Amino acid sequence: MTPTQKVRPCLCFDTEAEEAVNFYVSLIPNSRILEIAHYGEAGPGKPGSVLMVSFELGGVQYLALNGGPVFKFTEAISLSVDCADQEEADRLWERLGEGGSYSRCGWLKDRYGLSWQIVPAAFPKLICGPDKAGARRAMEAMLQMSRLDVAALEAAYRGA
C-alpha cells in the first residue's frame, strides 16, 4: 500500500510490533492496520515472522518495526491523544496503562514502553485561559496529578 503521508513516524519494537498495533487500533477510533510485511529468507528475522506493520492511528499513519531488543522507547517521544471528555480520557488512561506504568501530568508508558499523553479537551482551555491567575492555579493543580482530572482542574481554575 502506498502511504498517503509524506512523513510517518516509525515505532521500533523488539518482537511485538503486530501485537502492539492490534492493541492500539482497538482503542483509538479511526484506526486500522494497512499492511503487514514479513521477513523473507534473506532477512535477519525468522522467515515468515512480522517485520513491519503499516497502520493508521486516529487517522495518522505510522510504521511499527520489529527491530530487536537494541532500540528502547524513551519519554523523548510520546503520542498525545486529544480526548473528547473525561470519560474517554479515563478509558484510555486505564487501558493504555495496563501492564505499563503511570507517571505525572497525564503521562503514562504502555506495556511496550511507549509513552503517551492523555489529554482531555478542556485541559488546554484551563491552563491557557483568559484568567491568568486561574490558569496558574490549574497548572499548579495539574503538576500534582497523575491522571488529568477535569473537574479538579476546573475547580482550581475557579479558585474553589
C-alpha atoms as a PDB file:
ATOM      1  CA  MET A   1       0.000   0.000   0.000  1.00  0.00           C
ATOM      2  CA  THR A   2       1.343   3.418  -0.920  1.00  0.00           C
ATOM      3  CA  PRO A   3       1.458   5.809   2.046  1.00  0.00           C
ATOM      4  CA  THR A   4      -0.671   8.938   1.779  1.00  0.00           C
ATOM      5  CA  GLN A   5       1.501  10.915   4.210  1.00  0.00           C
ATOM      6  CA  LYS A   6       4.934  12.221   3.264  1.00  0.00           C
ATOM      7  CA  VAL A   7       6.269  11.624   6.789  1.00  0.00           C
ATOM      8  CA  ARG A   8       5.274   8.682   9.001  1.00  0.00           C
ATOM      9  CA  PRO A   9       6.664   8.055  12.487  1.00  0.00           C
ATOM     10  CA  CYS A  10       8.276   4.619  12.826  1.00  0.00           C
ATOM     11  CA  LEU A  11       7.993   2.893  16.203  1.00  0.00           C
ATOM     12  CA  CYS A  12      10.654   0.237  16.862  1.00  0.00           C
ATOM     13  CA  PHE A  13       9.642  -2.733  18.980  1.00  0.00           C
ATOM     14  CA  ASP A  14      11.605  -5.829  19.922  1.00  0.00           C
ATOM     15  CA  THR A  15       9.296  -8.529  18.517  1.00  0.00           C
ATOM     16  CA  GLU A  16       5.811  -7.319  19.442  1.00  0.00           C
ATOM     17  CA  ALA A  17       5.014  -4.771  16.704  1.00  0.00           C
ATOM     18  CA  GLU A  18       1.921  -6.598  15.449  1.00  0.00           C
ATOM     19  CA  GLU A  19       0.613  -7.242  18.976  1.00  0.00           C
ATOM     20  CA  ALA A  20       1.117  -3.585  19.954  1.00  0.00           C
ATOM     21  CA  VAL A  21      -0.543  -2.276  16.790  1.00  0.00           C
ATOM     22  CA  ASN A  22      -3.552  -4.561  17.280  1.00  0.00           C
ATOM     23  CA  PHE A  23      -3.860  -3.214  20.832  1.00  0.00           C
ATOM     24  CA  TYR A  24      -3.587   0.440  19.755  1.00  0.00           C
ATOM     25  CA  VAL A  25      -6.082   0.207  16.886  1.00  0.00           C
ATOM     26  CA  SER A  26      -8.577  -1.487  19.223  1.00  0.00           C
ATOM     27  CA  LEU A  27      -8.525   1.583  21.500  1.00  0.00           C
ATOM     28  CA  ILE A  28      -8.345   4.617  19.222  1.00  0.00           C
ATOM     29  CA  PRO A  29     -11.236   5.455  16.858  1.00  0.00           C
ATOM     30  CA  ASN A  30     -10.457   5.900  13.145  1.00  0.00           C
ATOM     31  CA  SER A  31      -7.612   3.364  13.328  1.00  0.00           C
ATOM     32  CA  ARG A  32      -6.731   0.352  11.212  1.00  0.00           C
ATOM     33  CA  ILE A  33      -3.916  -1.877  10.032  1.00  0.00           C
ATOM     34  CA  LEU A  34      -2.940  -1.057   6.465  1.00  0.00           C
ATOM     35  CA  GLU A  35      -0.346  -3.697   5.689  1.00  0.00           C
ATOM     36  CA  ILE A  36       1.859  -6.294   7.347  1.00  0.00           C
ATOM     37  CA  ALA A  37       5.254  -7.154   5.836  1.00  0.00           C
ATOM     38  CA  HIS A  38       7.056 -10.358   6.792  1.00  0.00           C
ATOM     39  CA  TYR A  39      10.708 -11.324   6.820  1.00  0.00           C
ATOM     40  CA  GLY A  40      11.784 -13.329   3.784  1.00  0.00           C
ATOM     41  CA  GLU A  41      14.589 -15.850   3.506  1.00  0.00           C
ATOM     42  CA  ALA A  42      17.284 -13.150   3.269  1.00  0.00           C
ATOM     43  CA  GLY A  43      16.310 -11.018   6.287  1.00  0.00           C
ATOM     44  CA  PRO A  44      17.795 -11.126   9.775  1.00  0.00           C
ATOM     45  CA  GLY A  45      14.445 -12.230  11.243  1.00  0.00           C
ATOM     46  CA  LYS A  46      12.889 -15.662  11.172  1.00  0.00           C
ATOM     47  CA  PRO A  47      11.388 -16.214   7.708  1.00  0.00           C
ATOM     48  CA  GLY A  48       7.661 -15.510   7.813  1.00  0.00           C
ATOM     49  CA  SER A  49       7.785 -13.519  11.071  1.00  0.00           C
ATOM     50  CA  VAL A  50       6.493  -9.940  11.107  1.00  0.00           C
ATOM     51  CA  LEU A  51       8.993  -7.336  10.008  1.00  0.00           C
ATOM     52  CA  MET A  52       6.834  -4.225   9.791  1.00  0.00           C
ATOM     53  CA  VAL A  53       3.236  -3.108  10.251  1.00  0.00           C
ATOM     54  CA  SER A  54       1.836  -0.072   8.458  1.00  0.00           C
ATOM     55  CA  PHE A  55      -1.164   1.350  10.311  1.00  0.00           C
ATOM     56  CA  GLU A  56      -3.345   4.365  10.987  1.00  0.00           C
ATOM     57  CA  LEU A  57      -3.971   5.562  14.492  1.00  0.00           C
ATOM     58  CA  GLY A  58      -6.648   8.234  14.754  1.00  0.00           C
ATOM     59  CA  GLY A  59      -6.268   8.778  11.010  1.00  0.00           C
ATOM     60  CA  VAL A  60      -2.482   9.337  11.209  1.00  0.00           C
ATOM     61  CA  GLN A  61      -0.190   6.824   9.522  1.00  0.00           C
ATOM     62  CA  TYR A  62       2.627   5.070  11.393  1.00  0.00           C
ATOM     63  CA  LEU A  63       5.021   2.202  10.900  1.00  0.00           C
ATOM     64  CA  ALA A  64       5.797  -0.364  13.573  1.00  0.00           C
ATOM     65  CA  LEU A  65       9.038  -2.280  13.101  1.00  0.00           C
ATOM     66  CA  ASN A  66      10.306  -5.370  14.872  1.00  0.00           C
ATOM     67  CA  GLY A  67      13.869  -4.129  15.234  1.00  0.00           C
ATOM     68  CA  GLY A  68      15.076  -6.306  18.086  1.00  0.00           C
ATOM     69  CA  PRO A  69      15.919  -5.531  21.707  1.00  0.00           C
ATOM     70  CA  VAL A  70      18.521  -2.859  20.935  1.00  0.00           C
ATOM     71  CA  PHE A  71      16.052   0.005  20.490  1.00  0.00           C
ATOM     72  CA  LYS A  72      14.110   1.262  23.510  1.00  0.00           C
ATOM     73  CA  PHE A  73      11.444   3.927  23.766  1.00  0.00           C
ATOM     74  CA  THR A  74      12.070   6.984  25.952  1.00  0.00           C
ATOM     75  CA  GLU A  75       9.902   9.892  27.038  1.00  0.00           C
ATOM     76  CA  ALA A  76      11.715  11.992  24.420  1.00  0.00           C
ATOM     77  CA  ILE A  77       8.885  10.987  22.097  1.00  0.00           C
ATOM     78  CA  SER A  78       5.302  10.328  23.070  1.00  0.00           C
ATOM     79  CA  LEU A  79       1.922  10.043  21.434  1.00  0.00           C
ATOM     80  CA  SER A  80      -0.521  12.674  22.638  1.00  0.00           C
ATOM     81  CA  VAL A  81      -4.215  11.765  22.500  1.00  0.00           C
ATOM     82  CA  ASP A  82      -6.779  14.568  22.494  1.00  0.00           C
ATOM     83  CA  CYS A  83      -9.806  13.137  24.295  1.00  0.00           C
ATOM     84  CA  ALA A  84     -13.324  14.492  23.842  1.00  0.00           C
ATOM     85  CA  ASP A  85     -14.129  14.288  27.548  1.00  0.00           C
ATOM     86  CA  GLN A  86     -13.136  12.868  30.923  1.00  0.00           C
ATOM     87  CA  GLU A  87     -14.815   9.539  30.158  1.00  0.00           C
ATOM     88  CA  GLU A  88     -12.671   8.946  27.060  1.00  0.00           C
ATOM     89  CA  ALA A  89      -9.545  10.131  28.888  1.00  0.00           C
ATOM     90  CA  ASP A  90     -10.213   7.762  31.790  1.00  0.00           C
ATOM     91  CA  ARG A  91     -10.859   4.806  29.467  1.00  0.00           C
ATOM     92  CA  LEU A  92      -7.646   5.346  27.517  1.00  0.00           C
ATOM     93  CA  TRP A  93      -5.670   6.067  30.693  1.00  0.00           C
ATOM     94  CA  GLU A  94      -6.702   2.749  32.198  1.00  0.00           C
ATOM     95  CA  ARG A  95      -6.385   0.621  29.049  1.00  0.00           C
ATOM     96  CA  LEU A  96      -3.104   2.043  27.763  1.00  0.00           C
ATOM     97  CA  GLY A  97      -1.558   1.951  31.226  1.00  0.00           C
ATOM     98  CA  GLU A  98      -2.434  -1.715  31.888  1.00  0.00           C
ATOM     99  CA  GLY A  99       0.838  -3.580  32.295  1.00  0.00           C
ATOM    100  CA  GLY A 100       2.818  -0.365  31.914  1.00  0.00           C
ATOM    101  CA  SER A 101       3.386   2.486  34.340  1.00  0.00           C
ATOM    102  CA  TYR A 102       1.614   5.713  35.194  1.00  0.00           C
ATOM    103  CA  SER A 103       3.535   8.936  35.520  1.00  0.00           C
ATOM    104  CA  ARG A 104       2.552  12.522  36.260  1.00  0.00           C
ATOM    105  CA  CYS A 105       0.639  15.218  34.388  1.00  0.00           C
ATOM    106  CA  GLY A 106      -1.335  12.837  32.166  1.00  0.00           C
ATOM    107  CA  TRP A 107       1.682  10.797  31.002  1.00  0.00           C
ATOM    108  CA  LEU A 108       1.967   7.023  31.046  1.00  0.00           C
ATOM    109  CA  LYS A 109       4.025   4.247  29.499  1.00  0.00           C
ATOM    110  CA  ASP A 110       2.172   1.342  27.962  1.00  0.00           C
ATOM    111  CA  ARG A 111       3.192  -2.319  28.339  1.00  0.00           C
ATOM    112  CA  TYR A 112       5.507  -1.950  25.341  1.00  0.00           C
ATOM    113  CA  GLY A 113       7.343   1.040  26.823  1.00  0.00           C
ATOM    114  CA  LEU A 114       5.802   3.691  24.538  1.00  0.00           C
ATOM    115  CA  SER A 115       4.942   6.981  26.263  1.00  0.00           C
ATOM    116  CA  TRP A 116       1.502   8.543  25.879  1.00  0.00           C
ATOM    117  CA  GLN A 117      -0.075  11.819  26.956  1.00  0.00           C
ATOM    118  CA  ILE A 118      -3.799  11.501  27.648  1.00  0.00           C
ATOM    119  CA  VAL A 119      -5.301  14.982  27.333  1.00  0.00           C
ATOM    120  CA  PRO A 120      -8.977  15.838  27.942  1.00  0.00           C
ATOM    121  CA  ALA A 121     -10.270  18.549  25.569  1.00  0.00           C
ATOM    122  CA  ALA A 122     -10.862  21.008  28.425  1.00  0.00           C
ATOM    123  CA  PHE A 123      -7.236  20.920  29.578  1.00  0.00           C
ATOM    124  CA  PRO A 124      -5.670  23.463  27.167  1.00  0.00           C
ATOM    125  CA  LYS A 125      -8.521  25.922  27.808  1.00  0.00           C
ATOM    126  CA  LEU A 126      -7.854  25.761  31.541  1.00  0.00           C
ATOM    127  CA  ILE A 127      -4.094  26.195  31.536  1.00  0.00           C
ATOM    128  CA  CYS A 128      -4.197  28.838  28.791  1.00  0.00           C
ATOM    129  CA  GLY A 129      -7.467  30.521  29.744  1.00  0.00           C
ATOM    130  CA  PRO A 130      -8.013  34.288  29.834  1.00  0.00           C
ATOM    131  CA  ASP A 131      -7.914  34.368  33.651  1.00  0.00           C
ATOM    132  CA  LYS A 132      -4.141  34.281  34.196  1.00  0.00           C
ATOM    133  CA  ALA A 133      -4.438  33.575  37.921  1.00  0.00           C
ATOM    134  CA  GLY A 134      -6.924  30.793  37.189  1.00  0.00           C
ATOM    135  CA  ALA A 135      -4.634  29.322  34.528  1.00  0.00           C
ATOM    136  CA  ARG A 136      -1.757  29.391  37.044  1.00  0.00           C
ATOM    137  CA  ARG A 137      -3.885  27.586  39.642  1.00  0.00           C
ATOM    138  CA  ALA A 138      -4.959  24.987  37.071  1.00  0.00           C
ATOM    139  CA  MET A 139      -1.321  24.432  36.060  1.00  0.00           C
ATOM    140  CA  GLU A 140      -0.284  24.040  39.697  1.00  0.00           C
ATOM    141  CA  ALA A 141      -3.093  21.530  40.224  1.00  0.00           C
ATOM    142  CA  MET A 142      -2.074  19.603  37.096  1.00  0.00           C
ATOM    143  CA  LEU A 143       1.502  19.318  38.342  1.00  0.00           C
ATOM    144  CA  GLN A 144       0.203  17.378  41.363  1.00  0.00           C
ATOM    145  CA  MET A 145      -1.860  14.926  39.281  1.00  0.00           C
ATOM    146  CA  SER A 146      -1.118  11.619  37.681  1.00  0.00           C
ATOM    147  CA  ARG A 147      -4.286  11.166  35.564  1.00  0.00           C
ATOM    148  CA  LEU A 148      -5.698  14.540  34.473  1.00  0.00           C
ATOM    149  CA  ASP A 149      -8.960  15.273  36.299  1.00  0.00           C
ATOM    150  CA  VAL A 150     -11.004  17.946  34.509  1.00  0.00           C
ATOM    151  CA  ALA A 151     -13.344  18.622  37.443  1.00  0.00           C
ATOM    152  CA  ALA A 152     -10.398  19.249  39.782  1.00  0.00           C
ATOM    153  CA  LEU A 153      -8.662  21.423  37.176  1.00  0.00           C
ATOM    154  CA  GLU A 154     -11.843  23.448  36.656  1.00  0.00           C
ATOM    155  CA  ALA A 155     -12.203  23.911  40.408  1.00  0.00           C
ATOM    156  CA  ALA A 156      -8.581  25.088  40.643  1.00  0.00           C
ATOM    157  CA  TYR A 157      -9.156  27.493  37.735  1.00  0.00           C
ATOM    158  CA  ARG A 158     -12.181  28.982  39.528  1.00  0.00           C
ATOM    159  CA  GLY A 159     -10.229  29.176  42.774  1.00  0.00           C
ATOM    160  CA  ALA A 160     -12.632  26.810  44.523  1.00  0.00           C
END
